[in-house]
């Protein structure tokens, strides 16, 4: 996603036969997902969204004038939807920021040692997670809960986040995705 766009939600599939669809909101106030004008697909198509009802927290049944039948929904299924960054309000509080602003920041430990880069900020329903890549001395990606305990400092101006890395188990076998009983 280009830096001038911020993802606000995701097209979560068709709902019914008249072009209604499910829309998952990633905004702090879930109903705000439709408040910033047309939502854009990664390839630039615009959806003028009107929320009809919330079916569970953060998931809405919606309509868009560009979608008139269930078959139209197939072209949008699973797509992340964004708006241009300049449509969003600026944050006044230093502890308030858009999660997209963290992607690409340098990660450091509390003592200032390099700890990789922020690759992504994820949310699979149980809270925000911060994904680090290129962590010195570690293989693969490291995923931490995005909490004050695990990410005690965010400095957008400084271009870094401070993270508390989990302890490595000495003598543990590498995580190759195989259960210990299968690994030989």
N, C-alpha and C. Protein backbone atom coordinates (compact mmCIF):
# COMPACT_ATOMS: atom_id res chain seq x y z
N UNK A 1 0.85 -1.18 0.00
CA UNK A 1 0.00 0.00 0.00
C UNK A 1 0.90 1.24 0.00
N UNK A 2 0.69 2.14 -0.95
CA UNK A 2 1.49 3.37 -0.99
C UNK A 2 1.33 4.16 0.31
N UNK A 3 2.37 4.93 0.67
CA UNK A 3 2.36 5.69 1.92
C UNK A 3 1.28 6.76 1.94
N UNK A 4 0.77 7.15 0.78
CA UNK A 4 -0.26 8.19 0.76
C UNK A 4 -1.67 7.62 0.94
N UNK A 5 -1.78 6.31 1.22
CA UNK A 5 -3.07 5.67 1.44
C UNK A 5 -3.04 4.95 2.79
N UNK A 6 -4.20 4.90 3.45
CA UNK A 6 -4.32 4.21 4.73
C UNK A 6 -5.47 3.21 4.61
N UNK A 7 -5.21 1.97 4.97
CA UNK A 7 -6.23 0.93 4.90
C UNK A 7 -7.21 1.12 6.05
N UNK A 8 -8.49 1.18 5.72
CA UNK A 8 -9.54 1.36 6.72
C UNK A 8 -10.38 0.11 6.93
N UNK A 9 -10.39 -0.79 5.96
CA UNK A 9 -11.25 -1.96 6.09
C UNK A 9 -10.94 -2.99 5.04
N UNK A 10 -11.79 -4.03 5.03
CA UNK A 10 -11.61 -5.12 4.08
C UNK A 10 -12.97 -5.62 3.61
N UNK A 11 -13.08 -5.85 2.33
CA UNK A 11 -14.28 -6.42 1.73
C UNK A 11 -14.33 -7.88 2.17
N UNK A 12 -15.39 -8.25 2.90
CA UNK A 12 -15.44 -9.58 3.52
C UNK A 12 -16.45 -10.52 2.87
N UNK A 13 -16.88 -10.23 1.65
CA UNK A 13 -17.73 -11.16 0.91
C UNK A 13 -19.14 -10.67 0.69
N UNK A 14 -19.84 -11.37 -0.20
CA UNK A 14 -21.22 -11.04 -0.55
C UNK A 14 -22.16 -11.35 0.61
N UNK A 15 -23.28 -10.64 0.64
CA UNK A 15 -24.32 -10.88 1.63
C UNK A 15 -25.67 -10.75 0.90
N UNK A 16 -26.27 -11.87 0.63
CA UNK A 16 -27.54 -11.84 -0.11
C UNK A 16 -27.33 -11.79 -1.61
N UNK A 17 -28.42 -11.48 -2.34
CA UNK A 17 -28.37 -11.52 -3.81
C UNK A 17 -28.49 -10.15 -4.46
N UNK A 18 -28.66 -9.08 -3.69
CA UNK A 18 -28.90 -7.76 -4.27
C UNK A 18 -27.68 -6.84 -4.23
N UNK A 19 -26.51 -7.42 -4.07
CA UNK A 19 -25.29 -6.60 -4.09
C UNK A 19 -24.84 -6.11 -2.73
N UNK A 20 -25.54 -6.50 -1.66
CA UNK A 20 -25.05 -6.15 -0.34
C UNK A 20 -23.81 -6.99 -0.05
N UNK A 21 -22.95 -6.47 0.81
CA UNK A 21 -21.71 -7.18 1.13
C UNK A 21 -21.32 -6.93 2.58
N UNK A 22 -20.41 -7.79 3.06
CA UNK A 22 -19.88 -7.63 4.42
C UNK A 22 -18.59 -6.81 4.32
N UNK A 23 -18.47 -5.88 5.25
CA UNK A 23 -17.32 -4.99 5.29
C UNK A 23 -16.73 -5.02 6.70
N UNK A 24 -15.46 -5.40 6.81
CA UNK A 24 -14.76 -5.43 8.09
C UNK A 24 -14.05 -4.11 8.27
N UNK A 25 -14.30 -3.47 9.40
CA UNK A 25 -13.71 -2.17 9.69
C UNK A 25 -12.45 -2.32 10.52
N UNK A 26 -11.41 -1.56 10.17
CA UNK A 26 -10.18 -1.52 10.94
C UNK A 26 -10.03 -0.20 11.69
N UNK A 27 -11.06 0.65 11.66
CA UNK A 27 -10.96 1.95 12.30
C UNK A 27 -11.26 1.86 13.79
N UNK A 28 -10.74 2.81 14.55
CA UNK A 28 -10.93 2.80 16.01
C UNK A 28 -12.42 2.82 16.36
N UNK A 29 -13.18 3.67 15.70
CA UNK A 29 -14.64 3.67 15.81
C UNK A 29 -15.12 2.94 14.56
N UNK A 30 -15.56 1.69 14.69
CA UNK A 30 -15.85 0.86 13.51
C UNK A 30 -16.76 1.52 12.46
N UNK A 31 -17.76 2.26 12.89
CA UNK A 31 -18.67 2.88 11.92
C UNK A 31 -18.02 4.01 11.11
N UNK A 32 -16.85 4.45 11.51
CA UNK A 32 -16.14 5.51 10.78
C UNK A 32 -15.55 5.01 9.48
N UNK A 33 -15.58 3.72 9.23
CA UNK A 33 -14.99 3.16 8.01
C UNK A 33 -15.57 3.81 6.75
N UNK A 34 -16.80 4.25 6.80
CA UNK A 34 -17.43 4.85 5.62
C UNK A 34 -17.49 6.38 5.68
N UNK A 35 -16.84 6.96 6.67
CA UNK A 35 -16.97 8.40 6.89
C UNK A 35 -15.99 9.28 6.12
N UNK A 36 -15.03 8.69 5.42
CA UNK A 36 -13.98 9.48 4.79
C UNK A 36 -14.07 9.50 3.27
N UNK A 37 -15.26 9.24 2.75
CA UNK A 37 -15.45 9.26 1.31
C UNK A 37 -15.26 7.89 0.71
N UNK A 38 -15.23 7.81 -0.62
CA UNK A 38 -15.12 6.51 -1.28
C UNK A 38 -13.89 5.73 -0.82
N UNK A 39 -14.08 4.42 -0.64
CA UNK A 39 -12.98 3.52 -0.28
C UNK A 39 -12.36 3.00 -1.57
N UNK A 40 -11.05 2.90 -1.59
CA UNK A 40 -10.33 2.52 -2.80
C UNK A 40 -9.77 1.11 -2.69
N UNK A 41 -9.85 0.37 -3.78
CA UNK A 41 -9.23 -0.96 -3.85
C UNK A 41 -7.76 -0.77 -4.20
N UNK A 42 -6.94 -1.82 -4.04
CA UNK A 42 -5.51 -1.67 -4.39
C UNK A 42 -5.28 -1.26 -5.84
N UNK A 43 -6.21 -1.61 -6.75
CA UNK A 43 -6.02 -1.21 -8.16
C UNK A 43 -6.72 0.11 -8.50
N UNK A 44 -7.22 0.83 -7.47
CA UNK A 44 -7.75 2.17 -7.68
C UNK A 44 -9.24 2.29 -7.91
N UNK A 45 -9.99 1.18 -7.92
CA UNK A 45 -11.45 1.28 -8.05
C UNK A 45 -12.03 1.89 -6.78
N UNK A 46 -13.05 2.72 -6.92
CA UNK A 46 -13.67 3.39 -5.78
C UNK A 46 -15.00 2.75 -5.44
N UNK A 47 -15.28 2.62 -4.15
CA UNK A 47 -16.57 2.13 -3.67
C UNK A 47 -17.17 3.20 -2.78
N UNK A 48 -18.36 3.69 -3.17
CA UNK A 48 -19.09 4.66 -2.36
C UNK A 48 -19.96 3.85 -1.41
N UNK A 49 -19.49 3.70 -0.18
CA UNK A 49 -20.08 2.76 0.78
C UNK A 49 -21.09 3.42 1.69
N UNK A 50 -22.19 2.69 1.92
CA UNK A 50 -23.20 3.09 2.91
C UNK A 50 -23.40 1.89 3.83
N UNK A 51 -23.17 2.09 5.11
CA UNK A 51 -23.35 1.01 6.08
C UNK A 51 -24.83 0.82 6.35
N UNK A 52 -25.27 -0.45 6.36
CA UNK A 52 -26.67 -0.75 6.63
C UNK A 52 -26.89 -1.18 8.07
N UNK A 53 -26.06 -2.10 8.55
CA UNK A 53 -26.19 -2.57 9.93
C UNK A 53 -24.90 -3.29 10.33
N UNK A 54 -24.67 -3.28 11.64
CA UNK A 54 -23.52 -3.99 12.18
C UNK A 54 -23.99 -5.39 12.57
N UNK A 55 -23.29 -6.43 12.07
CA UNK A 55 -23.68 -7.81 12.37
C UNK A 55 -22.91 -8.37 13.56
N UNK A 56 -21.74 -7.87 13.78
CA UNK A 56 -20.96 -8.14 14.99
C UNK A 56 -19.93 -7.04 15.08
N UNK A 57 -19.29 -6.87 16.24
CA UNK A 57 -18.38 -5.72 16.37
C UNK A 57 -17.36 -5.64 15.23
N UNK A 58 -17.39 -4.51 14.55
CA UNK A 58 -16.44 -4.26 13.47
C UNK A 58 -16.79 -4.87 12.13
N UNK A 59 -17.91 -5.59 12.03
CA UNK A 59 -18.32 -6.20 10.77
C UNK A 59 -19.71 -5.70 10.40
N UNK A 60 -19.82 -5.12 9.22
CA UNK A 60 -21.06 -4.49 8.78
C UNK A 60 -21.58 -5.14 7.51
N UNK A 61 -22.89 -5.05 7.33
CA UNK A 61 -23.51 -5.29 6.03
C UNK A 61 -23.59 -3.90 5.40
N UNK A 62 -23.14 -3.80 4.16
CA UNK A 62 -23.04 -2.50 3.49
C UNK A 62 -23.52 -2.60 2.05
N UNK A 63 -23.70 -1.44 1.45
CA UNK A 63 -24.02 -1.32 0.04
C UNK A 63 -23.07 -0.31 -0.57
N UNK A 64 -22.86 -0.43 -1.88
CA UNK A 64 -22.09 0.56 -2.63
C UNK A 64 -22.79 0.72 -3.97
N UNK A 65 -22.90 1.95 -4.44
CA UNK A 65 -23.61 2.17 -5.71
C UNK A 65 -22.92 1.46 -6.87
N UNK A 66 -21.64 1.13 -6.72
CA UNK A 66 -20.90 0.45 -7.78
C UNK A 66 -21.17 -1.05 -7.84
N UNK A 67 -21.85 -1.58 -6.83
CA UNK A 67 -22.15 -3.01 -6.76
C UNK A 67 -23.66 -3.19 -6.75
N UNK A 68 -24.18 -3.85 -7.78
CA UNK A 68 -25.64 -3.98 -7.88
C UNK A 68 -26.13 -5.42 -7.78
N UNK A 69 -25.23 -6.39 -7.84
CA UNK A 69 -25.63 -7.80 -7.79
C UNK A 69 -24.57 -8.60 -7.04
N UNK A 70 -24.99 -9.75 -6.55
CA UNK A 70 -24.07 -10.63 -5.82
C UNK A 70 -22.83 -10.95 -6.65
N UNK A 71 -23.00 -11.16 -7.94
CA UNK A 71 -21.88 -11.50 -8.82
C UNK A 71 -20.82 -10.39 -8.86
N UNK A 72 -21.23 -9.15 -8.68
CA UNK A 72 -20.28 -8.03 -8.66
C UNK A 72 -19.32 -8.13 -7.48
N UNK A 73 -19.77 -8.76 -6.41
CA UNK A 73 -18.96 -8.87 -5.19
C UNK A 73 -17.70 -9.70 -5.40
N UNK A 74 -17.75 -10.66 -6.31
CA UNK A 74 -16.60 -11.55 -6.53
C UNK A 74 -15.33 -10.77 -6.87
N UNK A 75 -15.47 -9.67 -7.58
CA UNK A 75 -14.31 -8.88 -8.00
C UNK A 75 -13.66 -8.15 -6.83
N UNK A 76 -14.34 -8.07 -5.69
CA UNK A 76 -13.82 -7.33 -4.54
C UNK A 76 -13.46 -8.24 -3.36
N UNK A 77 -13.83 -9.49 -3.42
CA UNK A 77 -13.70 -10.40 -2.28
C UNK A 77 -12.29 -10.41 -1.69
N UNK A 78 -12.21 -10.11 -0.40
CA UNK A 78 -10.95 -10.13 0.33
C UNK A 78 -10.08 -8.90 0.17
N UNK A 79 -10.45 -7.95 -0.69
CA UNK A 79 -9.60 -6.78 -0.93
C UNK A 79 -9.59 -5.84 0.27
N UNK A 80 -8.41 -5.31 0.55
CA UNK A 80 -8.28 -4.27 1.57
C UNK A 80 -8.69 -2.95 0.92
N UNK A 81 -9.38 -2.13 1.69
CA UNK A 81 -9.92 -0.87 1.18
C UNK A 81 -9.28 0.29 1.92
N UNK A 82 -8.90 1.30 1.18
CA UNK A 82 -8.15 2.42 1.76
C UNK A 82 -8.75 3.75 1.34
N UNK A 83 -8.21 4.82 1.93
CA UNK A 83 -8.51 6.19 1.53
C UNK A 83 -7.18 6.94 1.44
N UNK A 84 -7.15 8.02 0.67
CA UNK A 84 -5.94 8.85 0.66
C UNK A 84 -5.68 9.39 2.08
N UNK A 85 -4.44 9.43 2.45
CA UNK A 85 -4.04 9.86 3.80
C UNK A 85 -4.57 11.24 4.15
N UNK A 86 -4.63 12.13 3.17
CA UNK A 86 -5.05 13.50 3.48
C UNK A 86 -6.53 13.63 3.84
N UNK A 87 -7.31 12.58 3.70
CA UNK A 87 -8.71 12.61 4.14
C UNK A 87 -8.86 12.36 5.64
N UNK A 88 -7.82 11.87 6.26
CA UNK A 88 -7.88 11.53 7.69
C UNK A 88 -7.43 12.71 8.54
N UNK A 89 -8.01 12.84 9.74
CA UNK A 89 -7.59 13.95 10.61
C UNK A 89 -6.17 13.73 11.13
N UNK A 90 -5.47 14.81 11.37
CA UNK A 90 -4.14 14.72 11.98
C UNK A 90 -4.30 14.35 13.45
N UNK A 91 -3.30 13.68 13.99
CA UNK A 91 -3.33 13.33 15.40
C UNK A 91 -2.58 14.41 16.18
N UNK A 92 -3.15 14.83 17.31
CA UNK A 92 -2.53 15.89 18.11
C UNK A 92 -1.69 15.33 19.25
N UNK A 93 -2.05 14.16 19.72
CA UNK A 93 -1.39 13.54 20.87
C UNK A 93 -0.19 12.71 20.39
N UNK A 94 0.95 12.85 21.06
CA UNK A 94 2.14 12.10 20.64
C UNK A 94 1.97 10.60 20.82
N UNK A 95 1.03 10.17 21.67
CA UNK A 95 0.76 8.75 21.86
C UNK A 95 -0.32 8.24 20.92
N UNK A 96 -0.72 9.06 19.99
CA UNK A 96 -1.75 8.66 19.03
C UNK A 96 -1.17 8.76 17.63
N UNK A 97 -1.34 7.69 16.85
CA UNK A 97 -0.78 7.66 15.50
C UNK A 97 -1.53 6.60 14.71
N UNK A 98 -1.34 6.59 13.41
CA UNK A 98 -1.92 5.57 12.56
C UNK A 98 -0.95 4.40 12.52
N UNK A 99 -1.49 3.19 12.65
CA UNK A 99 -0.65 2.00 12.69
C UNK A 99 0.20 1.88 11.43
N UNK A 100 -0.32 2.31 10.29
CA UNK A 100 0.46 2.27 9.05
C UNK A 100 1.75 3.08 9.15
N UNK A 101 1.76 4.10 10.04
CA UNK A 101 2.96 4.94 10.19
C UNK A 101 4.12 4.16 10.80
N UNK A 102 3.84 3.02 11.44
CA UNK A 102 4.90 2.24 12.08
C UNK A 102 5.68 1.38 11.10
N UNK A 103 5.03 1.00 9.99
CA UNK A 103 5.67 0.11 9.03
C UNK A 103 6.92 0.77 8.46
N UNK A 104 8.03 0.04 8.53
CA UNK A 104 9.31 0.54 8.04
C UNK A 104 10.18 1.16 9.10
N UNK A 105 9.64 1.42 10.29
CA UNK A 105 10.45 2.03 11.34
C UNK A 105 11.51 1.04 11.83
N UNK A 106 12.62 1.58 12.28
CA UNK A 106 13.68 0.78 12.90
C UNK A 106 13.17 0.30 14.26
N UNK A 107 13.50 -0.93 14.62
CA UNK A 107 13.19 -1.44 15.96
C UNK A 107 14.48 -1.50 16.76
N UNK A 108 14.39 -1.09 18.04
CA UNK A 108 15.54 -1.12 18.94
C UNK A 108 15.12 -1.78 20.25
N UNK A 109 16.09 -2.37 20.94
CA UNK A 109 15.80 -2.88 22.27
C UNK A 109 15.86 -1.71 23.25
N UNK A 110 15.50 -1.96 24.49
CA UNK A 110 15.51 -0.88 25.49
C UNK A 110 16.89 -0.31 25.74
N UNK A 111 17.93 -1.11 25.48
CA UNK A 111 19.29 -0.59 25.65
C UNK A 111 19.86 -0.01 24.35
N UNK A 112 19.03 0.12 23.32
CA UNK A 112 19.43 0.77 22.08
C UNK A 112 20.00 -0.14 21.01
N UNK A 113 20.08 -1.45 21.26
CA UNK A 113 20.62 -2.38 20.27
C UNK A 113 19.63 -2.56 19.12
N UNK A 114 20.13 -2.75 17.90
CA UNK A 114 19.24 -2.95 16.76
C UNK A 114 18.37 -4.20 16.95
N UNK A 115 17.10 -4.09 16.57
CA UNK A 115 16.17 -5.22 16.70
C UNK A 115 15.34 -5.38 15.43
N UNK A 116 15.91 -5.02 14.28
CA UNK A 116 15.22 -5.20 13.01
C UNK A 116 14.40 -4.01 12.59
N UNK A 117 13.37 -4.30 11.78
CA UNK A 117 12.46 -3.28 11.26
C UNK A 117 11.03 -3.76 11.41
N UNK A 118 10.12 -2.81 11.53
CA UNK A 118 8.70 -3.14 11.58
C UNK A 118 8.26 -3.49 10.17
N UNK A 119 7.87 -4.74 9.99
CA UNK A 119 7.42 -5.19 8.67
C UNK A 119 5.93 -4.95 8.49
N UNK A 120 5.15 -5.14 9.57
CA UNK A 120 3.69 -4.97 9.47
C UNK A 120 3.11 -4.81 10.86
N UNK A 121 1.91 -4.26 10.91
CA UNK A 121 1.10 -4.26 12.13
C UNK A 121 -0.16 -5.01 11.75
N UNK A 122 -0.43 -6.07 12.47
CA UNK A 122 -1.50 -7.01 12.13
C UNK A 122 -2.58 -7.00 13.21
N UNK A 123 -3.76 -7.44 12.84
CA UNK A 123 -4.81 -7.69 13.82
C UNK A 123 -5.67 -8.80 13.28
N UNK A 124 -5.67 -9.92 13.98
CA UNK A 124 -6.47 -11.08 13.58
C UNK A 124 -7.66 -11.25 14.50
N UNK A 125 -8.04 -10.18 15.20
CA UNK A 125 -9.22 -10.21 16.04
C UNK A 125 -8.95 -10.19 17.53
N UNK A 126 -7.74 -10.50 17.96
CA UNK A 126 -7.46 -10.55 19.39
C UNK A 126 -6.55 -9.40 19.84
N UNK A 127 -6.38 -8.41 19.01
CA UNK A 127 -5.53 -7.27 19.36
C UNK A 127 -4.45 -7.07 18.32
N UNK A 128 -3.84 -5.90 18.37
CA UNK A 128 -2.80 -5.57 17.40
C UNK A 128 -1.52 -6.31 17.72
N UNK A 129 -0.83 -6.70 16.64
CA UNK A 129 0.46 -7.38 16.72
C UNK A 129 1.45 -6.60 15.87
N UNK A 130 2.70 -6.55 16.29
CA UNK A 130 3.72 -5.89 15.51
C UNK A 130 4.68 -6.97 15.02
N UNK A 131 4.96 -6.96 13.72
CA UNK A 131 5.80 -7.98 13.10
C UNK A 131 7.14 -7.35 12.75
N UNK A 132 8.21 -7.98 13.25
CA UNK A 132 9.56 -7.47 13.01
C UNK A 132 10.30 -8.40 12.06
N UNK A 133 11.07 -7.81 11.15
CA UNK A 133 11.91 -8.60 10.25
C UNK A 133 13.35 -8.19 10.47
N UNK A 134 14.27 -9.03 9.99
CA UNK A 134 15.71 -8.76 10.04
C UNK A 134 16.21 -8.49 11.45
N UNK A 135 15.71 -9.25 12.42
CA UNK A 135 16.16 -9.10 13.80
C UNK A 135 17.52 -9.78 13.93
N UNK A 136 18.57 -9.05 14.30
CA UNK A 136 19.90 -9.64 14.40
C UNK A 136 19.91 -10.87 15.33
N UNK A 137 20.54 -11.96 14.83
CA UNK A 137 20.68 -13.17 15.61
C UNK A 137 19.44 -14.04 15.67
N UNK A 138 18.40 -13.66 14.97
CA UNK A 138 17.15 -14.44 14.98
C UNK A 138 16.78 -14.80 13.55
N UNK A 139 16.25 -15.98 13.38
CA UNK A 139 15.78 -16.40 12.06
C UNK A 139 14.30 -16.08 11.92
N UNK A 140 13.92 -15.70 10.74
CA UNK A 140 12.51 -15.47 10.47
C UNK A 140 11.98 -14.18 11.08
N UNK A 141 10.68 -14.12 11.15
CA UNK A 141 9.98 -12.94 11.67
C UNK A 141 9.70 -13.13 13.16
N UNK A 142 9.62 -12.01 13.86
CA UNK A 142 9.23 -12.03 15.27
C UNK A 142 7.93 -11.24 15.37
N UNK A 143 6.96 -11.81 16.04
CA UNK A 143 5.67 -11.14 16.22
C UNK A 143 5.47 -10.89 17.71
N UNK A 144 5.18 -9.64 18.05
CA UNK A 144 4.96 -9.24 19.44
C UNK A 144 3.58 -8.62 19.58
N UNK A 145 2.95 -8.77 20.74
CA UNK A 145 1.72 -8.01 20.99
C UNK A 145 2.06 -6.52 20.96
N UNK A 146 1.19 -5.72 20.38
CA UNK A 146 1.44 -4.28 20.34
C UNK A 146 0.84 -3.68 21.61
N UNK A 147 1.59 -3.88 22.71
CA UNK A 147 1.19 -3.37 24.01
C UNK A 147 2.33 -2.51 24.56
N UNK A 148 2.05 -1.72 25.59
CA UNK A 148 3.11 -0.90 26.21
C UNK A 148 4.20 -1.78 26.82
N UNK A 149 3.82 -2.98 27.26
CA UNK A 149 4.79 -3.89 27.86
C UNK A 149 5.81 -4.37 26.82
N UNK A 150 5.34 -4.69 25.61
CA UNK A 150 6.22 -5.23 24.57
C UNK A 150 6.77 -4.17 23.63
N UNK A 151 6.08 -3.04 23.51
CA UNK A 151 6.53 -1.92 22.67
C UNK A 151 6.38 -0.66 23.53
N UNK A 152 7.34 -0.43 24.44
CA UNK A 152 7.18 0.66 25.39
C UNK A 152 7.33 2.07 24.82
N UNK A 153 7.91 2.19 23.62
CA UNK A 153 8.12 3.53 23.07
C UNK A 153 7.96 3.52 21.57
N UNK A 154 7.28 4.54 21.06
CA UNK A 154 7.15 4.77 19.63
C UNK A 154 7.60 6.20 19.37
N UNK A 155 8.58 6.37 18.50
CA UNK A 155 9.05 7.71 18.14
C UNK A 155 8.96 7.86 16.63
N UNK A 156 7.85 8.44 16.17
CA UNK A 156 7.71 8.66 14.73
C UNK A 156 8.76 9.65 14.24
N UNK A 157 8.98 10.71 15.03
CA UNK A 157 9.98 11.71 14.63
C UNK A 157 11.37 11.11 14.56
N UNK A 158 11.68 10.22 15.50
CA UNK A 158 13.00 9.58 15.53
C UNK A 158 13.12 8.41 14.58
N UNK A 159 11.98 7.92 14.07
CA UNK A 159 11.99 6.83 13.11
C UNK A 159 12.24 5.46 13.72
N UNK A 160 11.82 5.27 15.00
CA UNK A 160 12.07 3.98 15.63
C UNK A 160 10.97 3.62 16.63
N UNK A 161 10.96 2.34 16.98
CA UNK A 161 10.15 1.83 18.09
C UNK A 161 11.09 1.07 19.00
N UNK A 162 10.79 1.09 20.29
CA UNK A 162 11.55 0.29 21.25
C UNK A 162 10.72 -0.95 21.53
N UNK A 163 11.37 -2.12 21.46
CA UNK A 163 10.67 -3.38 21.66
C UNK A 163 11.36 -4.22 22.73
N UNK A 164 10.59 -5.07 23.37
CA UNK A 164 11.12 -6.04 24.32
C UNK A 164 11.02 -7.39 23.64
N UNK A 165 12.17 -7.90 23.20
CA UNK A 165 12.19 -9.17 22.48
C UNK A 165 12.02 -10.34 23.45
N UNK A 166 11.33 -11.38 23.02
CA UNK A 166 11.19 -12.56 23.88
C UNK A 166 12.54 -13.25 24.05
N UNK A 167 12.71 -13.89 25.19
CA UNK A 167 13.93 -14.63 25.45
C UNK A 167 14.00 -15.81 24.49
N UNK A 168 15.21 -16.11 24.02
CA UNK A 168 15.39 -17.30 23.21
C UNK A 168 15.66 -18.47 24.14
N UNK A 169 15.06 -19.60 23.87
CA UNK A 169 15.31 -20.80 24.65
C UNK A 169 16.65 -21.39 24.23
N UNK A 170 17.57 -21.47 25.19
CA UNK A 170 18.86 -22.09 24.88
C UNK A 170 18.65 -23.58 24.72
N UNK A 171 19.26 -24.14 23.72
CA UNK A 171 19.15 -25.57 23.50
C UNK A 171 17.88 -25.98 22.77
N UNK A 172 17.04 -25.02 22.44
CA UNK A 172 15.83 -25.41 21.70
C UNK A 172 16.19 -25.62 20.24
N UNK A 173 15.45 -26.50 19.63
CA UNK A 173 15.70 -26.77 18.22
C UNK A 173 15.09 -25.65 17.39
N UNK A 174 15.61 -25.44 16.19
CA UNK A 174 15.07 -24.37 15.35
C UNK A 174 13.63 -24.65 14.98
N UNK A 175 12.87 -23.58 14.84
CA UNK A 175 11.46 -23.73 14.45
C UNK A 175 11.40 -23.81 12.94
N UNK A 176 11.24 -25.02 12.45
CA UNK A 176 11.13 -25.22 11.01
C UNK A 176 9.70 -25.51 10.60
N UNK A 177 8.77 -25.27 11.52
CA UNK A 177 7.36 -25.50 11.22
C UNK A 177 6.91 -26.92 11.46
N UNK A 178 7.83 -27.78 11.85
CA UNK A 178 7.49 -29.19 12.07
C UNK A 178 7.39 -29.45 13.57
N UNK A 179 6.40 -30.25 14.00
CA UNK A 179 6.33 -30.59 15.42
C UNK A 179 7.55 -31.40 15.81
N UNK A 180 7.98 -31.33 17.09
CA UNK A 180 9.19 -32.05 17.52
C UNK A 180 9.14 -33.55 17.22
N UNK A 181 7.95 -34.13 17.27
CA UNK A 181 7.84 -35.56 17.02
C UNK A 181 8.13 -35.93 15.56
N UNK A 182 8.02 -34.97 14.65
CA UNK A 182 8.24 -35.23 13.23
C UNK A 182 9.66 -34.86 12.82
N UNK A 183 10.25 -33.89 13.52
CA UNK A 183 11.58 -33.39 13.17
C UNK A 183 12.63 -34.48 13.43
N UNK A 184 13.53 -34.69 12.51
CA UNK A 184 14.57 -35.72 12.69
C UNK A 184 15.92 -35.11 12.50
